[in-house]
Protein backbone atom coordinates (compact mmCIF):
# COMPACT_ATOMS: atom_id res chain seq x y z
CA MET A 1 -2.12 -23.88 3.16
CA LYS A 2 0.36 -21.44 4.41
CA ALA A 3 -1.09 -18.02 5.36
CA LYS A 4 -0.09 -15.08 3.46
CA SER A 5 2.69 -12.80 4.91
CA PRO A 6 1.95 -9.53 6.39
CA GLN A 7 3.59 -7.74 3.50
CA HIS A 8 1.23 -9.66 1.09
CA GLN A 9 -1.76 -8.80 3.21
CA PHE A 10 -0.66 -5.11 3.46
CA GLY A 11 -0.07 -4.99 -0.25
CA ARG A 12 -3.52 -6.54 -1.03
CA ARG A 13 -4.91 -3.77 1.14
CA ILE A 14 -3.14 -0.98 -0.58
CA ARG A 15 -4.16 -2.32 -4.09
CA ALA A 16 -7.82 -2.59 -3.06
CA LEU A 17 -7.95 0.95 -1.60
CA ARG A 18 -6.23 2.30 -4.71
CA GLU A 19 -8.56 0.56 -6.98
CA ALA A 20 -11.52 1.78 -5.03
CA ALA A 21 -10.17 5.34 -5.35
CA GLY A 22 -10.02 4.77 -9.11
CA ILE A 23 -6.29 5.70 -9.44
CA SER A 24 -3.42 3.97 -11.06
CA GLN A 25 -0.12 2.92 -9.44
CA GLU A 26 1.52 5.74 -11.18
CA GLU A 27 -0.91 8.26 -9.75
CA LEU A 28 -0.53 6.84 -6.27
CA ALA A 29 3.30 6.94 -6.61
CA SER A 30 3.13 10.54 -7.78
CA ARG A 31 0.88 11.50 -4.83
CA CYS A 32 3.38 9.79 -2.40
CA GLY A 33 6.50 11.01 -3.91
CA LEU A 34 7.50 7.35 -4.60
CA HIS A 35 8.53 5.59 -7.72
CA ARG A 36 5.74 3.57 -9.54
CA THR A 37 7.75 0.42 -9.39
CA TYR A 38 8.05 0.69 -5.68
CA VAL A 39 4.41 1.04 -5.26
CA GLY A 40 3.90 -2.18 -7.51
CA SER A 41 6.30 -4.06 -5.39
CA VAL A 42 4.61 -2.99 -2.12
CA GLU A 43 1.28 -4.15 -3.57
CA ARG A 44 2.82 -7.49 -4.57
CA GLY A 45 4.09 -7.96 -1.05
CA GLU A 46 7.68 -7.83 -2.08
CA ARG A 47 8.70 -5.22 0.42
CA ASN A 48 8.68 -4.71 4.23
CA ILE A 49 8.04 -0.92 3.96
CA SER A 50 8.98 1.64 6.62
CA LEU A 51 6.49 3.40 8.93
CA GLU A 52 7.16 6.65 7.05
CA ASN A 53 6.07 5.10 3.80
CA ILE A 54 2.97 3.46 5.35
CA VAL A 55 1.94 6.89 6.55
CA THR A 56 2.72 8.56 3.16
CA ILE A 57 0.66 5.98 1.28
CA ALA A 58 -2.31 6.14 3.78
CA ARG A 59 -2.37 9.93 3.38
CA ALA A 60 -2.37 9.73 -0.31
CA LEU A 61 -5.24 7.35 -0.23
CA GLY A 62 -7.15 9.53 2.25
CA VAL A 63 -7.29 6.81 5.13
CA ASP A 64 -5.87 6.53 8.65
CA PRO A 65 -2.57 4.81 8.59
CA GLY A 66 -3.81 2.35 11.36
CA SER A 67 -6.53 1.09 9.18
CA LEU A 68 -4.00 -0.35 6.80
CA LEU A 69 -2.84 -2.64 9.53
CA GLU A 70 -6.15 -3.76 11.06
CA GLY A 71 -6.81 -7.41 11.38
CA PHE A 72 -3.21 -8.63 10.97
């Protein structure tokens, strides 16, 4: 079985943290200043996002940006 891409792994981590925080994609997008459909596509692993957006999402989730990439 083929390993999931880094984008999929990253997206699953974002989704897990968002759900653990009890917020919707729409709320996360609002906190980040991003569009809800963009956040959804990140969570599905459809985007290879910029470092700037990684930092923005991490801050909105209250985590260190580096923690989003651990274990890749």
